[in-house]
Amino acid sequence: MSPDVSQPPPDSPTPGPGPDQGRAAGDDAGAPHALREARTLRPGSSVVVGVIGALAGLGLLVSGLLTTPRSWTLISTVVLALVLLWLFVVRPSVIVHAEGVRLVNPMRVVDLTWPVITEVRSRWALELVAGGRRYTAWGVPADPGRPRYGRGILTVGANRVRGKGTSELPTKSKVEAQVVAAEVEERILADRRRKDGRTPRIATQAWDPLSVGLLLAAAAFFLLGTFVV
């Protein structure tokens, strides 16, 4: 992750940079010093699938290790499958905290604070726009049976009332893009209403060394077990 950003003392607010001075994705910017009031969101189905897949994978792995002669092709394939299961099913999540949101994707982590987010919407997953760039949260998929959420935070009314005057603002506690988008939008508007400039302007995207290294190691083991050993 990028280096931390130190928070100013409570009695000495630091003015944030101008609208066009926010950190862009990939810049050498920092994440919030501490994720205060953090809450991790991921669908329950991803946890269930992860547990079932892990148990099945471990069973195959133990069987492959105890079988003589050992099948390194089977062992390396199971190891790679377990790594992919963790990266693409279990790991993705969204962390909502006091100053913004963190998108934990398979191999990247995105940190956005409330002042830099200009659009909140859902397509196949939760999408946030900051600095003209779109960031997708892999860990919060959209419910295809519900209307897409939003086009921009200045059109909040369109998210609440559509068609024949029926309210479309999601109210369920289920972890889905439409529900999380509504919460994120409310927090952005609440932060703007304070108008104290205390929330730092951060928009960073960085590779996660652990995830990248784990995937490369599993892929290398698979190639060795399949074509060399």
C-alpha atoms as a PDB file:
ATOM      1  CA  MET A   1       0.000   0.000   0.000  1.00  0.00           C
ATOM      2  CA  SER A   2       0.960   3.604  -0.366  1.00  0.00           C
ATOM      3  CA  PRO A   3       2.357   5.477   2.652  1.00  0.00           C
ATOM      4  CA  ASP A   4      -0.048   6.754   5.275  1.00  0.00           C
ATOM      5  CA  VAL A   5      -1.304  10.303   5.419  1.00  0.00           C
ATOM      6  CA  SER A   6      -0.903  11.893   8.847  1.00  0.00           C
ATOM      7  CA  GLN A   7      -4.063  13.382  10.269  1.00  0.00           C
ATOM      8  CA  PRO A   8      -3.990  16.966  11.601  1.00  0.00           C
ATOM      9  CA  PRO A   9      -4.705  17.591  15.281  1.00  0.00           C
ATOM     10  CA  PRO A  10      -8.390  18.089  16.094  1.00  0.00           C
ATOM     11  CA  ASP A  11      -7.975  21.824  16.804  1.00  0.00           C
ATOM     12  CA  SER A  12      -5.933  22.689  13.726  1.00  0.00           C
ATOM     13  CA  PRO A  13      -7.788  21.770  10.507  1.00  0.00           C
ATOM     14  CA  THR A  14      -5.717  21.711   7.368  1.00  0.00           C
ATOM     15  CA  PRO A  15      -7.384  23.088   4.235  1.00  0.00           C
ATOM     16  CA  GLY A  16      -7.619  20.528   1.450  1.00  0.00           C
ATOM     17  CA  PRO A  17      -6.305  21.095  -2.065  1.00  0.00           C
ATOM     18  CA  GLY A  18      -8.468  22.556  -4.796  1.00  0.00           C
ATOM     19  CA  PRO A  19     -10.816  20.463  -6.972  1.00  0.00           C
ATOM     20  CA  ASP A  20      -8.158  19.864  -9.612  1.00  0.00           C
ATOM     21  CA  GLN A  21      -5.408  19.117  -7.117  1.00  0.00           C
ATOM     22  CA  GLY A  22      -6.797  15.813  -5.852  1.00  0.00           C
ATOM     23  CA  ARG A  23      -4.588  12.760  -6.023  1.00  0.00           C
ATOM     24  CA  ALA A  24      -5.006  10.725  -9.164  1.00  0.00           C
ATOM     25  CA  ALA A  25      -4.957   6.946  -9.258  1.00  0.00           C
ATOM     26  CA  GLY A  26      -1.444   5.575  -9.306  1.00  0.00           C
ATOM     27  CA  ASP A  27       0.119   8.724  -7.835  1.00  0.00           C
ATOM     28  CA  ASP A  28       2.437   8.430  -4.850  1.00  0.00           C
ATOM     29  CA  ALA A  29      -0.332   9.457  -2.484  1.00  0.00           C
ATOM     30  CA  GLY A  30      -1.249   8.080   0.888  1.00  0.00           C
ATOM     31  CA  ALA A  31      -4.243   6.306   2.295  1.00  0.00           C
ATOM     32  CA  PRO A  32      -6.033   7.510   5.438  1.00  0.00           C
ATOM     33  CA  HIS A  33      -3.845   7.088   8.510  1.00  0.00           C
ATOM     34  CA  ALA A  34      -6.478   4.922  10.193  1.00  0.00           C
ATOM     35  CA  LEU A  35      -9.746   3.511   8.921  1.00  0.00           C
ATOM     36  CA  ARG A  36     -11.933   4.903  11.682  1.00  0.00           C
ATOM     37  CA  GLU A  37     -15.363   3.314  12.129  1.00  0.00           C
ATOM     38  CA  ALA A  38     -14.451   0.810   9.407  1.00  0.00           C
ATOM     39  CA  ARG A  39     -16.975  -1.763   8.233  1.00  0.00           C
ATOM     40  CA  THR A  40     -16.086  -4.518   5.761  1.00  0.00           C
ATOM     41  CA  LEU A  41     -18.750  -5.470   3.228  1.00  0.00           C
ATOM     42  CA  ARG A  42     -18.785  -8.633   1.115  1.00  0.00           C
ATOM     43  CA  PRO A  43     -21.674 -10.857   0.041  1.00  0.00           C
ATOM     44  CA  GLY A  44     -22.375 -13.826   2.279  1.00  0.00           C
ATOM     45  CA  SER A  45     -22.437 -16.035  -0.803  1.00  0.00           C
ATOM     46  CA  SER A  46     -18.747 -15.358  -1.448  1.00  0.00           C
ATOM     47  CA  VAL A  47     -17.889 -16.582   2.047  1.00  0.00           C
ATOM     48  CA  VAL A  48     -19.999 -19.728   1.600  1.00  0.00           C
ATOM     49  CA  VAL A  49     -18.472 -20.497  -1.794  1.00  0.00           C
ATOM     50  CA  GLY A  50     -15.009 -19.827  -0.385  1.00  0.00           C
ATOM     51  CA  VAL A  51     -15.487 -22.201   2.538  1.00  0.00           C
ATOM     52  CA  ILE A  52     -16.926 -24.988   0.368  1.00  0.00           C
ATOM     53  CA  GLY A  53     -14.213 -24.541  -2.257  1.00  0.00           C
ATOM     54  CA  ALA A  54     -11.463 -24.477   0.376  1.00  0.00           C
ATOM     55  CA  LEU A  55     -12.704 -27.692   2.005  1.00  0.00           C
ATOM     56  CA  ALA A  56     -12.953 -29.454  -1.345  1.00  0.00           C
ATOM     57  CA  GLY A  57      -9.545 -28.178  -2.422  1.00  0.00           C
ATOM     58  CA  LEU A  58      -7.868 -29.201   0.830  1.00  0.00           C
ATOM     59  CA  GLY A  59      -9.402 -32.655   0.529  1.00  0.00           C
ATOM     60  CA  LEU A  60      -7.959 -33.070  -2.966  1.00  0.00           C
ATOM     61  CA  LEU A  61      -4.624 -31.649  -1.833  1.00  0.00           C
ATOM     62  CA  VAL A  62      -4.301 -34.092   1.086  1.00  0.00           C
ATOM     63  CA  SER A  63      -5.325 -36.968  -1.176  1.00  0.00           C
ATOM     64  CA  GLY A  64      -2.721 -35.960  -3.760  1.00  0.00           C
ATOM     65  CA  LEU A  65       0.025 -35.689  -1.147  1.00  0.00           C
ATOM     66  CA  LEU A  66      -0.770 -39.115   0.366  1.00  0.00           C
ATOM     67  CA  THR A  67      -1.067 -40.941  -2.961  1.00  0.00           C
ATOM     68  CA  THR A  68       2.003 -42.814  -4.207  1.00  0.00           C
ATOM     69  CA  PRO A  69       3.398 -41.863  -6.625  1.00  0.00           C
ATOM     70  CA  ARG A  70       2.428 -38.250  -6.074  1.00  0.00           C
ATOM     71  CA  SER A  71       0.737 -36.434  -8.917  1.00  0.00           C
ATOM     72  CA  TRP A  72       2.401 -33.025  -8.955  1.00  0.00           C
ATOM     73  CA  THR A  73       0.089 -31.972 -11.744  1.00  0.00           C
ATOM     74  CA  LEU A  74      -2.908 -32.529  -9.472  1.00  0.00           C
ATOM     75  CA  ILE A  75      -1.227 -30.907  -6.461  1.00  0.00           C
ATOM     76  CA  SER A  76      -0.106 -27.795  -8.349  1.00  0.00           C
ATOM     77  CA  THR A  77      -3.513 -27.463 -10.012  1.00  0.00           C
ATOM     78  CA  VAL A  78      -5.307 -27.590  -6.651  1.00  0.00           C
ATOM     79  CA  VAL A  79      -2.916 -25.025  -5.158  1.00  0.00           C
ATOM     80  CA  LEU A  80      -3.492 -22.662  -8.076  1.00  0.00           C
ATOM     81  CA  ALA A  81      -7.267 -23.168  -7.824  1.00  0.00           C
ATOM     82  CA  LEU A  82      -7.223 -22.345  -4.096  1.00  0.00           C
ATOM     83  CA  VAL A  83      -5.220 -19.169  -4.726  1.00  0.00           C
ATOM     84  CA  LEU A  84      -7.630 -18.088  -7.489  1.00  0.00           C
ATOM     85  CA  LEU A  85     -10.589 -18.853  -5.220  1.00  0.00           C
ATOM     86  CA  TRP A  86      -9.192 -16.601  -2.509  1.00  0.00           C
ATOM     87  CA  LEU A  87      -8.231 -13.810  -4.915  1.00  0.00           C
ATOM     88  CA  PHE A  88     -11.427 -13.615  -6.940  1.00  0.00           C
ATOM     89  CA  VAL A  89     -14.118 -14.860  -4.546  1.00  0.00           C
ATOM     90  CA  VAL A  90     -13.094 -14.356  -0.912  1.00  0.00           C
ATOM     91  CA  ARG A  91     -10.705 -11.370  -0.985  1.00  0.00           C
ATOM     92  CA  PRO A  92     -12.807  -8.763  -2.890  1.00  0.00           C
ATOM     93  CA  SER A  93     -14.649  -6.475  -0.494  1.00  0.00           C
ATOM     94  CA  VAL A  94     -15.529  -2.859   0.251  1.00  0.00           C
ATOM     95  CA  ILE A  95     -14.425  -1.164   3.471  1.00  0.00           C
ATOM     96  CA  VAL A  96     -16.553   1.853   4.384  1.00  0.00           C
ATOM     97  CA  HIS A  97     -14.972   4.098   7.003  1.00  0.00           C
ATOM     98  CA  ALA A  98     -15.372   7.595   8.447  1.00  0.00           C
ATOM     99  CA  GLU A  99     -13.425   9.420   5.727  1.00  0.00           C
ATOM    100  CA  GLY A 100     -14.195   7.385   2.627  1.00  0.00           C
ATOM    101  CA  VAL A 101     -14.194   3.957   1.096  1.00  0.00           C
ATOM    102  CA  ARG A 102     -11.580   1.333   0.269  1.00  0.00           C
ATOM    103  CA  LEU A 103     -12.170  -1.060  -2.627  1.00  0.00           C
ATOM    104  CA  VAL A 104     -10.281  -4.311  -2.113  1.00  0.00           C
ATOM    105  CA  ASN A 105     -10.113  -5.996  -5.521  1.00  0.00           C
ATOM    106  CA  PRO A 106      -8.305  -9.242  -6.471  1.00  0.00           C
ATOM    107  CA  MET A 107      -4.872  -7.657  -6.894  1.00  0.00           C
ATOM    108  CA  ARG A 108      -5.407  -3.932  -6.385  1.00  0.00           C
ATOM    109  CA  VAL A 109      -6.595  -1.692  -3.577  1.00  0.00           C
ATOM    110  CA  VAL A 110      -8.339   1.629  -4.212  1.00  0.00           C
ATOM    111  CA  ASP A 111      -8.661   4.337  -1.543  1.00  0.00           C
ATOM    112  CA  LEU A 112     -11.163   7.143  -2.133  1.00  0.00           C
ATOM    113  CA  THR A 113     -12.258   9.766   0.368  1.00  0.00           C
ATOM    114  CA  TRP A 114     -15.674  11.412   0.226  1.00  0.00           C
ATOM    115  CA  PRO A 115     -14.627  14.789  -1.306  1.00  0.00           C
ATOM    116  CA  VAL A 116     -13.066  13.242  -4.444  1.00  0.00           C
ATOM    117  CA  ILE A 117     -16.011  11.005  -5.421  1.00  0.00           C
ATOM    118  CA  THR A 118     -18.090  12.679  -8.123  1.00  0.00           C
ATOM    119  CA  GLU A 119     -20.332   9.797  -9.229  1.00  0.00           C
ATOM    120  CA  VAL A 120     -21.851   6.774  -7.550  1.00  0.00           C
ATOM    121  CA  ARG A 121     -23.575   4.165  -9.667  1.00  0.00           C
ATOM    122  CA  SER A 122     -24.110   0.475 -10.275  1.00  0.00           C
ATOM    123  CA  ARG A 123     -23.961  -1.643 -13.404  1.00  0.00           C
ATOM    124  CA  TRP A 124     -22.745  -5.187 -12.862  1.00  0.00           C
ATOM    125  CA  ALA A 125     -21.031  -3.990  -9.665  1.00  0.00           C
ATOM    126  CA  LEU A 126     -20.603  -0.868  -7.522  1.00  0.00           C
ATOM    127  CA  GLU A 127     -18.840   1.893  -9.485  1.00  0.00           C
ATOM    128  CA  LEU A 128     -17.299   5.093  -8.150  1.00  0.00           C
ATOM    129  CA  VAL A 129     -15.901   7.936 -10.261  1.00  0.00           C
ATOM    130  CA  ALA A 130     -13.168  10.244  -8.965  1.00  0.00           C
ATOM    131  CA  GLY A 131     -10.956  12.594 -10.951  1.00  0.00           C
ATOM    132  CA  GLY A 132     -12.554  11.447 -14.185  1.00  0.00           C
ATOM    133  CA  ARG A 133     -11.591   7.819 -13.557  1.00  0.00           C
ATOM    134  CA  ARG A 134     -13.962   4.962 -12.836  1.00  0.00           C
ATOM    135  CA  TYR A 135     -13.245   2.429 -10.096  1.00  0.00           C
ATOM    136  CA  THR A 136     -15.178  -0.834  -9.841  1.00  0.00           C
ATOM    137  CA  ALA A 137     -15.690  -2.781  -6.622  1.00  0.00           C
ATOM    138  CA  TRP A 138     -15.397  -6.471  -7.475  1.00  0.00           C
ATOM    139  CA  GLY A 139     -16.649  -7.444  -4.040  1.00  0.00           C
ATOM    140  CA  VAL A 140     -20.052  -5.743  -4.298  1.00  0.00           C
ATOM    141  CA  PRO A 141     -22.021  -7.080  -7.280  1.00  0.00           C
ATOM    142  CA  ALA A 142     -25.277  -5.528  -8.425  1.00  0.00           C
ATOM    143  CA  ASP A 143     -28.650  -7.204  -8.145  1.00  0.00           C
ATOM    144  CA  PRO A 144     -29.776  -7.631 -11.790  1.00  0.00           C
ATOM    145  CA  GLY A 145     -33.394  -7.579 -10.644  1.00  0.00           C
ATOM    146  CA  ARG A 146     -33.180  -4.004  -9.310  1.00  0.00           C
ATOM    147  CA  PRO A 147     -32.775  -0.745 -11.260  1.00  0.00           C
ATOM    148  CA  ARG A 148     -29.273   0.578 -11.797  1.00  0.00           C
ATOM    149  CA  TYR A 149     -28.309   3.155  -9.226  1.00  0.00           C
ATOM    150  CA  GLY A 150     -27.375   6.720 -10.024  1.00  0.00           C
ATOM    151  CA  ARG A 151     -25.435   8.726 -12.554  1.00  0.00           C
ATOM    152  CA  GLY A 152     -23.959  11.422 -10.333  1.00  0.00           C
ATOM    153  CA  ILE A 153     -24.265  12.771  -6.821  1.00  0.00           C
ATOM    154  CA  LEU A 154     -25.882  15.957  -8.130  1.00  0.00           C
ATOM    155  CA  THR A 155     -28.834  13.899  -9.418  1.00  0.00           C
ATOM    156  CA  VAL A 156     -29.702  12.233  -6.135  1.00  0.00           C
ATOM    157  CA  GLY A 157     -33.388  12.900  -6.736  1.00  0.00           C
ATOM    158  CA  ALA A 158     -33.302  10.668  -9.784  1.00  0.00           C
ATOM    159  CA  ASN A 159     -32.079   7.821  -7.610  1.00  0.00           C
ATOM    160  CA  ARG A 160     -34.935   8.190  -5.165  1.00  0.00           C
ATOM    161  CA  VAL A 161     -37.903   8.637  -7.473  1.00  0.00           C
ATOM    162  CA  ARG A 162     -38.265   7.160 -10.932  1.00  0.00           C
ATOM    163  CA  GLY A 163     -41.029   6.236 -13.307  1.00  0.00           C
ATOM    164  CA  LYS A 164     -44.430   6.538 -11.667  1.00  0.00           C
ATOM    165  CA  GLY A 165     -43.225   8.218  -8.532  1.00  0.00           C
ATOM    166  CA  THR A 166     -42.259   5.063  -6.717  1.00  0.00           C
ATOM    167  CA  SER A 167     -39.273   5.148  -4.425  1.00  0.00           C
ATOM    168  CA  GLU A 168     -36.300   3.171  -5.737  1.00  0.00           C
ATOM    169  CA  LEU A 169     -33.846   3.979  -2.961  1.00  0.00           C
ATOM    170  CA  PRO A 170     -32.616   0.586  -1.716  1.00  0.00           C
ATOM    171  CA  THR A 171     -33.488  -0.112   1.885  1.00  0.00           C
ATOM    172  CA  LYS A 172     -32.363  -3.738   2.311  1.00  0.00           C
ATOM    173  CA  SER A 173     -29.301  -4.612   4.365  1.00  0.00           C
ATOM    174  CA  LYS A 174     -28.119  -7.114   1.748  1.00  0.00           C
ATOM    175  CA  VAL A 175     -24.622  -6.421   0.392  1.00  0.00           C
ATOM    176  CA  GLU A 176     -25.333  -5.442  -3.208  1.00  0.00           C
ATOM    177  CA  ALA A 177     -24.224  -2.536  -5.379  1.00  0.00           C
ATOM    178  CA  GLN A 178     -27.518  -0.629  -5.229  1.00  0.00           C
ATOM    179  CA  VAL A 179     -27.642  -0.717  -1.431  1.00  0.00           C
ATOM    180  CA  VAL A 180     -23.993   0.211  -0.898  1.00  0.00           C
ATOM    181  CA  ALA A 181     -24.254   2.972  -3.534  1.00  0.00           C
ATOM    182  CA  ALA A 182     -27.109   4.562  -1.599  1.00  0.00           C
ATOM    183  CA  GLU A 183     -25.064   4.548   1.617  1.00  0.00           C
ATOM    184  CA  VAL A 184     -21.974   5.947  -0.103  1.00  0.00           C
ATOM    185  CA  GLU A 185     -23.983   8.747  -1.685  1.00  0.00           C
ATOM    186  CA  GLU A 186     -25.541   9.689   1.651  1.00  0.00           C
ATOM    187  CA  ARG A 187     -22.102   9.834   3.285  1.00  0.00           C
ATOM    188  CA  ILE A 188     -20.740  12.021   0.475  1.00  0.00           C
ATOM    189  CA  LEU A 189     -23.601  14.483   0.848  1.00  0.00           C
ATOM    190  CA  ALA A 190     -23.214  14.499   4.644  1.00  0.00           C
ATOM    191  CA  ASP A 191     -19.499  15.248   4.282  1.00  0.00           C
ATOM    192  CA  ARG A 192     -20.266  18.120   1.895  1.00  0.00           C
ATOM    193  CA  ARG A 193     -22.855  19.581   4.250  1.00  0.00           C
ATOM    194  CA  ARG A 194     -20.221  19.892   6.973  1.00  0.00           C
ATOM    195  CA  LYS A 195     -18.149  22.230   4.738  1.00  0.00           C
ATOM    196  CA  ASP A 196     -15.207  22.176   7.145  1.00  0.00           C
ATOM    197  CA  GLY A 197     -12.620  20.847   4.685  1.00  0.00           C
ATOM    198  CA  ARG A 198     -11.247  18.413   7.258  1.00  0.00           C
ATOM    199  CA  THR A 199     -11.624  15.284   5.129  1.00  0.00           C
ATOM    200  CA  PRO A 200      -8.436  14.762   3.078  1.00  0.00           C
ATOM    201  CA  ARG A 201      -8.660  14.466  -0.703  1.00  0.00           C
ATOM    202  CA  ILE A 202      -7.293  11.040  -1.571  1.00  0.00           C
ATOM    203  CA  ALA A 203      -7.774   8.922  -4.688  1.00  0.00           C
ATOM    204  CA  THR A 204      -5.165   6.183  -4.974  1.00  0.00           C
ATOM    205  CA  GLN A 205      -4.950   2.828  -6.682  1.00  0.00           C
ATOM    206  CA  ALA A 206      -2.091   0.448  -5.939  1.00  0.00           C
ATOM    207  CA  TRP A 207      -1.100  -3.145  -6.584  1.00  0.00           C
ATOM    208  CA  ASP A 208      -1.245  -5.402  -3.531  1.00  0.00           C
ATOM    209  CA  PRO A 209       2.202  -7.076  -3.253  1.00  0.00           C
ATOM    210  CA  LEU A 210       0.896 -10.065  -1.292  1.00  0.00           C
ATOM    211  CA  SER A 211      -1.796 -10.910  -3.841  1.00  0.00           C
ATOM    212  CA  VAL A 212       0.471 -10.448  -6.848  1.00  0.00           C
ATOM    213  CA  GLY A 213       3.277 -12.465  -5.268  1.00  0.00           C
ATOM    214  CA  LEU A 214       0.925 -15.272  -4.239  1.00  0.00           C
ATOM    215  CA  LEU A 215      -0.536 -15.531  -7.741  1.00  0.00           C
ATOM    216  CA  LEU A 216       2.901 -15.552  -9.384  1.00  0.00           C
ATOM    217  CA  ALA A 217       4.150 -18.228  -6.978  1.00  0.00           C
ATOM    218  CA  ALA A 218       1.089 -20.429  -7.554  1.00  0.00           C
ATOM    219  CA  ALA A 219       1.375 -20.010 -11.332  1.00  0.00           C
ATOM    220  CA  ALA A 220       5.078 -20.899 -11.248  1.00  0.00           C
ATOM    221  CA  PHE A 221       4.356 -23.980  -9.118  1.00  0.00           C
ATOM    222  CA  PHE A 222       1.640 -25.037 -11.576  1.00  0.00           C
ATOM    223  CA  LEU A 223       4.013 -24.753 -14.524  1.00  0.00           C
ATOM    224  CA  LEU A 224       6.699 -26.725 -12.706  1.00  0.00           C
ATOM    225  CA  GLY A 225       4.286 -29.408 -11.556  1.00  0.00           C
ATOM    226  CA  THR A 226       2.698 -29.781 -14.992  1.00  0.00           C
ATOM    227  CA  PHE A 227       5.618 -29.494 -17.404  1.00  0.00           C
ATOM    228  CA  VAL A 228       8.800 -30.132 -15.416  1.00  0.00           C
ATOM    229  CA  VAL A 229       8.336 -32.533 -12.495  1.00  0.00           C
END
